[in-house]
Amino acid sequence: MYQVRLLPHDVTFATDGEQTVLEAALNAGIAFPNRCQVGACAMCMCRKQQGEIRYQLEPMLTEKEQAEGWIFACQAMATSDLVLQLD
C-alpha cells in the first residue's frame, strides 16, 4: 500500500498500486477533479511533487509537461508514496 498526499488541501489516501490514483481517490471519498476517466479531457491532470508512478498506456503528454511533473491521475498507478499538487 502507498500513501498519496494531495496539496494544497493536505488530504491523504491509500492506494494499492493496482488501481489508478483517480480510482483510489474516488474510492476514498475524495473530490478529485475528473470527467472522462480515460485521459482525454485533462481534468485530472496534476503535478507530481514526489514519488514514482507507472502507466499501462502512456498518456498524451508533451516532453515539457512530463519534465514539469504533470501526470494524468486517471491513468497513473503509484509505485511509491506520492505527493501531488492540484492546480
Protein backbone atom coordinates (compact mmCIF):
# COMPACT_ATOMS: atom_id res chain seq x y z
CA MET A 1 0.00 0.00 0.00
CA TYR A 2 1.13 3.51 -0.83
CA GLN A 3 0.08 6.86 0.61
CA VAL A 4 -0.92 9.69 -1.72
CA ARG A 5 -0.92 13.24 -0.34
CA LEU A 6 -2.84 15.94 -2.24
CA LEU A 7 -1.72 19.54 -1.96
CA PRO A 8 -2.77 22.27 -1.31
CA HIS A 9 -5.56 20.59 0.71
CA ASP A 10 -3.20 18.25 2.58
CA VAL A 11 -5.54 15.28 2.09
CA THR A 12 -4.08 11.77 2.25
CA PHE A 13 -5.45 8.48 0.92
CA ALA A 14 -4.14 4.99 0.26
CA THR A 15 -3.70 3.10 -2.99
CA ASP A 16 -2.63 -0.47 -3.64
CA GLY A 17 -0.71 0.43 -6.79
CA GLU A 18 -3.07 -1.64 -8.95
CA GLN A 19 -5.79 0.98 -9.20
CA THR A 20 -5.25 4.39 -10.72
CA VAL A 21 -4.61 7.38 -8.49
CA LEU A 22 -8.01 8.75 -9.51
CA GLU A 23 -9.81 5.48 -8.67
CA ALA A 24 -8.12 5.35 -5.27
CA ALA A 25 -9.08 8.96 -4.52
CA LEU A 26 -12.70 8.45 -5.55
CA ASN A 27 -12.91 5.18 -3.58
CA ALA A 28 -11.66 7.09 -0.52
CA GLY A 29 -14.44 9.66 -0.97
CA ILE A 30 -12.12 12.44 -2.13
CA ALA A 31 -13.46 15.01 -4.59
CA PHE A 32 -10.78 14.73 -7.28
CA PRO A 33 -11.43 16.69 -10.49
CA ASN A 34 -12.33 14.34 -13.36
CA ARG A 35 -14.67 13.87 -16.26
CA CYS A 36 -13.81 11.18 -18.81
CA GLN A 37 -11.51 8.91 -16.74
CA VAL A 38 -9.65 7.81 -19.88
CA GLY A 39 -7.04 10.56 -20.28
CA ALA A 40 -8.81 12.59 -22.95
CA CYS A 41 -10.24 15.59 -21.07
CA ALA A 42 -7.21 16.52 -18.88
CA MET A 43 -9.47 17.40 -15.91
CA CYS A 44 -7.48 15.08 -13.62
CA MET A 45 -4.04 16.41 -14.60
CA CYS A 46 -1.95 17.20 -11.56
CA ARG A 47 1.71 17.79 -10.85
CA LYS A 48 3.79 15.08 -9.19
CA GLN A 49 5.95 16.66 -6.47
CA GLN A 50 7.40 13.42 -5.08
CA GLY A 51 7.22 9.71 -5.80
CA GLU A 52 7.03 7.38 -8.76
CA ILE A 53 4.19 6.25 -10.99
CA ARG A 54 3.64 3.90 -13.90
CA TYR A 55 1.15 3.83 -16.75
CA GLN A 56 -0.42 0.88 -18.55
CA LEU A 57 -0.78 3.12 -21.61
CA GLU A 58 1.37 6.24 -21.91
CA PRO A 59 -0.84 9.36 -21.91
CA MET A 60 -0.56 12.14 -24.45
CA LEU A 61 1.82 14.42 -22.55
CA THR A 62 4.46 16.57 -24.21
CA GLU A 63 8.08 16.17 -23.15
CA LYS A 64 7.85 19.59 -21.48
CA GLU A 65 4.74 18.55 -19.48
CA GLN A 66 6.44 15.33 -18.39
CA ALA A 67 9.60 17.23 -17.37
CA GLU A 68 7.42 19.60 -15.31
CA GLY A 69 5.93 16.61 -13.46
CA TRP A 70 2.42 16.62 -14.96
CA ILE A 71 0.54 13.31 -14.77
CA PHE A 72 -2.91 12.03 -15.66
CA ALA A 73 -4.32 10.71 -12.38
CA CYS A 74 -6.87 8.61 -14.29
CA GLN A 75 -4.06 6.65 -15.96
CA ALA A 76 -1.29 6.75 -13.33
CA MET A 77 -0.67 3.99 -10.79
CA ALA A 78 1.57 4.61 -7.79
CA THR A 79 4.78 2.63 -7.41
CA SER A 80 5.77 4.54 -4.25
CA ASP A 81 4.26 7.05 -1.87
CA LEU A 82 3.24 10.20 -3.78
CA VAL A 83 2.82 13.90 -3.19
CA LEU A 84 0.62 15.53 -5.85
CA GLN A 85 -0.25 19.17 -6.43
CA LEU A 86 -3.73 20.02 -7.67
CA ASP A 87 -3.61 23.35 -9.51
